[in-house]
Protein backbone atom coordinates (compact mmCIF):
# COMPACT_ATOMS: atom_id res chain seq x y z
CA MET A 1 76.70 35.75 61.84
CA PRO A 2 76.47 35.67 58.03
CA VAL A 3 73.10 34.88 56.57
CA ALA A 4 73.03 31.58 54.75
CA SER A 5 72.32 32.04 51.06
CA GLN A 6 69.29 30.34 49.59
CA THR A 7 70.02 28.35 46.46
CA GLN A 8 67.12 28.10 44.07
CA THR A 9 66.94 24.99 42.00
CA TYR A 10 65.27 24.72 38.61
CA PRO A 11 63.37 21.48 37.95
CA GLU A 12 65.21 18.96 35.81
CA THR A 13 62.42 16.66 34.63
CA GLN A 14 59.99 17.66 31.90
CA HIS A 15 57.04 16.97 34.20
CA ASP A 16 58.42 19.34 36.82
CA LYS A 17 59.10 22.02 34.20
CA VAL A 18 55.53 21.82 32.94
CA ALA A 19 54.19 22.03 36.49
CA LEU A 20 56.34 25.07 37.23
CA ARG A 21 55.28 26.85 34.04
CA ASP A 22 51.65 26.11 34.85
CA THR A 23 52.14 27.66 38.28
CA VAL A 24 53.79 30.78 36.91
CA ILE A 25 51.13 31.29 34.21
CA ARG A 26 48.29 30.89 36.69
CA ALA A 27 49.99 33.36 39.02
CA ALA A 28 50.52 35.78 36.13
CA LEU A 29 46.80 35.98 35.33
CA ALA A 30 46.15 38.22 38.35
CA HIS A 31 48.81 40.69 37.19
CA VAL A 32 47.96 40.86 33.46
CA PRO A 33 45.00 43.28 33.89
CA PHE A 34 47.39 45.81 35.43
CA ASP A 35 50.69 45.23 33.62
CA GLY A 36 49.66 43.29 30.54
CA TRP A 37 51.62 40.31 29.27
CA SER A 38 54.98 41.82 30.20
CA ARG A 39 58.24 40.95 31.91
CA LYS A 40 57.00 42.78 34.98
CA THR A 41 54.03 40.41 35.13
CA LEU A 42 56.21 37.33 34.70
CA VAL A 43 58.65 38.47 37.36
CA ALA A 44 55.82 39.07 39.84
CA ALA A 45 54.36 35.65 39.00
CA ALA A 46 57.73 33.92 39.33
CA THR A 47 58.31 35.58 42.68
CA SER A 48 55.00 34.27 43.97
CA ALA A 49 56.15 30.80 42.86
CA GLY A 50 59.31 31.15 44.95
CA LEU A 51 61.64 32.04 42.08
CA ASP A 52 63.76 35.11 41.47
CA ALA A 53 63.61 37.47 38.50
CA ALA A 54 66.47 35.68 36.73
CA ALA A 55 64.44 32.47 36.69
CA VAL A 56 61.94 33.97 34.23
CA ALA A 57 64.43 33.51 31.38
CA ARG A 58 64.79 29.82 32.27
CA VAL A 59 61.07 29.21 32.65
CA PHE A 60 60.16 31.05 29.43
CA PRO A 61 63.30 31.37 27.24
CA GLY A 62 61.29 33.12 24.53
CA GLY A 63 59.95 35.73 26.94
CA ILE A 64 56.40 37.01 26.51
CA LYS A 65 55.85 35.02 23.30
CA ASP A 66 56.56 31.80 25.17
CA ALA A 67 54.33 32.80 28.07
CA VAL A 68 51.34 33.65 25.86
CA ALA A 69 51.79 30.46 23.83
CA TYR A 70 52.03 28.47 27.04
CA PHE A 71 48.82 30.06 28.31
CA THR A 72 47.06 28.66 25.23
CA ASP A 73 48.65 25.27 25.77
CA LEU A 74 47.60 25.24 29.43
CA ALA A 75 44.01 26.04 28.45
CA ASP A 76 43.99 23.22 25.89
CA ARG A 77 45.36 20.69 28.36
CA THR A 78 42.86 21.80 30.99
CA MET A 79 40.03 21.33 28.49
CA LEU A 80 41.16 17.82 27.53
CA ALA A 81 41.53 16.80 31.17
CA ASP A 82 38.02 18.06 31.96
CA LEU A 83 36.53 16.31 28.92
CA LYS A 84 37.85 12.95 30.10
CA GLY A 85 35.25 12.98 32.84
CA LEU A 86 32.37 13.21 30.35
CA ASP A 87 30.66 10.53 28.27
CA LEU A 88 31.19 12.26 24.93
CA ALA A 89 30.38 9.10 22.98
CA ALA A 90 26.77 9.33 24.18
CA MET A 91 26.40 12.83 22.73
CA LYS A 92 25.64 13.95 19.20
CA VAL A 93 28.62 15.40 17.37
CA ARG A 94 27.34 18.98 17.54
CA VAL A 95 26.83 18.60 21.31
CA ARG A 96 30.35 17.20 21.71
CA VAL A 97 31.84 20.17 19.89
CA ALA A 98 29.72 22.72 21.77
CA THR A 99 30.59 21.07 25.09
CA ALA A 100 34.31 21.12 24.29
CA VAL A 101 34.25 24.80 23.32
CA ARG A 102 32.35 25.69 26.47
CA ILE A 103 34.72 23.71 28.68
CA ARG A 104 37.66 25.34 26.88
CA LEU A 105 36.43 28.83 27.81
CA GLU A 106 34.55 28.50 31.10
CA PRO A 107 37.51 28.07 33.49
CA TRP A 108 39.01 31.32 32.25
CA THR A 109 35.92 33.51 32.70
CA PRO A 110 37.47 35.23 35.76
CA HIS A 111 40.53 35.96 33.61
CA ARG A 112 38.91 37.29 30.46
CA GLU A 113 41.09 40.38 30.55
CA ALA A 114 44.18 38.18 30.30
CA VAL A 115 42.62 36.46 27.27
CA ARG A 116 41.75 39.83 25.74
CA ARG A 117 45.32 41.07 26.19
CA ALA A 118 46.68 37.87 24.63
CA LEU A 119 44.38 38.32 21.62
CA ALA A 120 45.53 41.92 21.24
CA LEU A 121 49.12 40.69 21.00
CA SER A 122 48.21 37.98 18.49
CA VAL A 123 47.85 40.47 15.62
CA MET A 124 51.35 41.85 16.13
CA PRO A 125 54.01 40.41 13.78
CA PRO A 126 56.22 38.86 16.51
CA PHE A 127 53.22 36.93 17.88
CA ALA A 128 51.16 36.21 14.75
CA GLY A 129 52.79 32.92 13.74
CA GLY A 130 52.60 31.41 17.21
CA SER A 131 49.03 32.60 17.65
CA LEU A 132 47.90 30.93 14.42
CA ARG A 133 49.60 27.68 15.43
CA GLY A 134 47.95 27.86 18.84
CA TRP A 135 44.55 28.56 17.28
CA TYR A 136 44.93 25.54 15.00
CA ARG A 137 45.98 23.26 17.87
CA THR A 138 42.93 24.33 19.86
CA VAL A 139 40.37 23.57 17.14
CA ASP A 140 42.21 20.36 16.25
CA ALA A 141 42.10 19.26 19.89
CA ILE A 142 38.37 19.99 20.02
CA TRP A 143 37.63 17.95 16.90
CA ARG A 144 39.79 15.05 18.06
CA ALA A 145 38.08 15.07 21.45
CA ALA A 146 34.76 15.00 19.58
CA GLY A 147 35.89 11.80 17.86
CA ASP A 148 36.82 13.14 14.44
CA LYS A 149 39.08 10.75 12.52
CA SER A 150 38.86 12.31 9.07
CA THR A 151 42.01 12.40 6.96
CA ASP A 152 40.64 13.74 3.69
CA PHE A 153 39.52 17.21 2.66
CA ASN A 154 36.95 17.14 5.48
CA PHE A 155 39.82 17.32 7.96
CA TYR A 156 40.62 20.85 6.82
CA THR A 157 37.08 22.07 6.25
CA LYS A 158 35.99 20.97 9.72
CA ARG A 159 38.86 22.78 11.37
CA GLY A 160 38.44 25.87 9.24
CA LEU A 161 34.75 26.12 10.02
CA LEU A 162 35.28 25.51 13.72
CA ALA A 163 38.06 28.11 13.82
CA ALA A 164 35.55 30.70 12.60
CA VAL A 165 32.91 29.56 15.11
CA TYR A 166 35.39 29.44 17.95
CA GLY A 167 36.81 32.88 17.14
CA ALA A 168 33.37 34.48 16.99
CA THR A 169 32.40 32.79 20.26
CA VAL A 170 35.53 34.00 22.04
CA LEU A 171 34.86 37.60 20.98
CA PHE A 172 31.23 37.34 22.14
CA TRP A 173 32.28 35.71 25.44
CA LEU A 174 34.82 38.44 26.25
CA ASP A 175 32.05 41.03 26.63
CA ASP A 176 29.25 38.77 27.84
CA ARG A 177 27.84 39.82 31.20
CA SER A 178 24.83 37.49 31.22
CA PRO A 179 24.47 35.13 34.23
CA GLY A 180 26.84 32.21 33.74
CA CYS A 181 27.63 33.55 30.26
CA SER A 182 24.36 31.98 29.12
CA ALA A 183 24.18 34.34 26.14
CA THR A 184 27.56 33.06 24.93
CA TRP A 185 26.49 29.42 25.03
CA ALA A 186 23.27 30.24 23.17
CA PHE A 187 25.36 32.12 20.58
CA LEU A 188 27.69 29.11 20.31
CA ASP A 189 24.78 26.71 19.76
CA ARG A 190 23.43 28.87 16.94
CA ARG A 191 26.81 29.09 15.22
CA ILE A 192 27.40 25.34 15.49
CA GLY A 193 23.90 24.71 14.14
CA GLU A 194 24.82 26.76 11.09
CA VAL A 195 28.10 24.88 10.62
CA MET A 196 26.43 21.49 10.93
CA GLN A 197 24.31 22.40 7.91
CA TYR A 198 27.48 22.69 5.81
CA PRO A 199 27.59 19.04 4.62
CA GLN A 200 24.01 19.25 3.37
CA LEU A 201 24.70 22.58 1.71
CA ARG A 202 27.84 21.22 0.07
CA ALA A 203 25.93 18.17 -1.18
CA ARG A 204 23.22 20.39 -2.72
CA LEU A 205 25.81 22.63 -4.37
CA THR A 206 27.70 19.62 -5.72
CA ALA A 207 24.49 18.14 -7.15
CA ARG A 208 23.61 21.43 -8.85
CA PHE A 209 27.12 21.79 -10.21
CA THR A 210 26.98 18.24 -11.58
CA GLU A 211 23.63 18.93 -13.22
CA GLY A 212 25.09 22.07 -14.77
CA LEU A 213 27.99 20.10 -16.22
CA ARG A 214 25.60 17.58 -17.76
CA ALA A 215 23.81 20.41 -19.56
CA LEU A 216 27.03 21.45 -21.28
CA PRO A 217 27.94 19.93 -24.66
CA ASN A 218 30.33 17.02 -24.75
CA PRO A 219 33.79 18.66 -24.64
CA ARG A 220 35.21 16.27 -27.25
CA LYS A 221 32.40 17.05 -29.69
CA LEU A 222 32.68 20.75 -28.93
CA PHE A 223 36.43 20.69 -29.53
CA GLY A 224 35.88 18.82 -32.80
CA ILE A 225 33.36 21.42 -34.02
CA LEU A 226 35.66 24.28 -33.07
CA SER A 227 38.62 22.62 -34.75
CA ARG A 228 36.72 22.15 -38.03
CA ASN A 229 35.49 25.73 -38.03
CA ILE A 230 38.95 27.11 -37.30
CA MET A 231 40.72 24.92 -39.84
C-alpha cells in the first residue's frame, strides 16, 4: 500500500508565525555552538519543530540575517514580558535600568556562545546595519521600560550612554564564570553609577562654559573696535 504523504502547513496568522519563529530560534541555540549561525543550524532547528528544510526559507526569508535579527527581537520581547511582573515604579531609575539589563541577559546565560557568534557576525557588512538597528531597539526598550518619556536631546544622550554601558556589560558577561554571573552585575552597577553622574557633570560643564563666555568681551563692541582699526 502506498504511504500517505504528510502535508506540512505554514501558519497563516501573524501570531502563529511569531510563535513558530520563536520555536525555531530557541531550537537553533543548541546547534549554534557547533555549526554557528548557518543554514545547517536553521535546518536542524526547523526539523526539530516538525518542518522540512524548505520551510526555512518561509520562516526566515532573509536567511541567517533574519534569524540573528529575530534572536535579538525574541530577547527583547522576553525581557519586556519578564519586566511586567516587577514593580519598576517603586525603584530608582538607575535600579530600573540595571534590572532591565540584567533581565535582558540572564535568560540567555546558557546560550552565551550563540550570543558571541551573533556578535561576531554583527561587524560583517551584510549584518552591520541590522545589528545597529537591533542594538538601538534594545536600549530604547530598556529606557522606555524604565519610564523614560524624554523627547528632547536627552532622548539621544540617554540611549547613547546606555548603548555603551550595555555593550561593555555584554562583553564582560560573555566571559564571566562567577557564580550567578555576580561579577557581571557588579560591573553593570558600577557602569550605571558612572552614567548617572552624567547630568551633574554636564551641568557643571555648562556652568563653566557660561562663565567663560561672560569673561569674553561683548562681541558687538569687539566687532566695532576691529572694524574701526581695519577701516
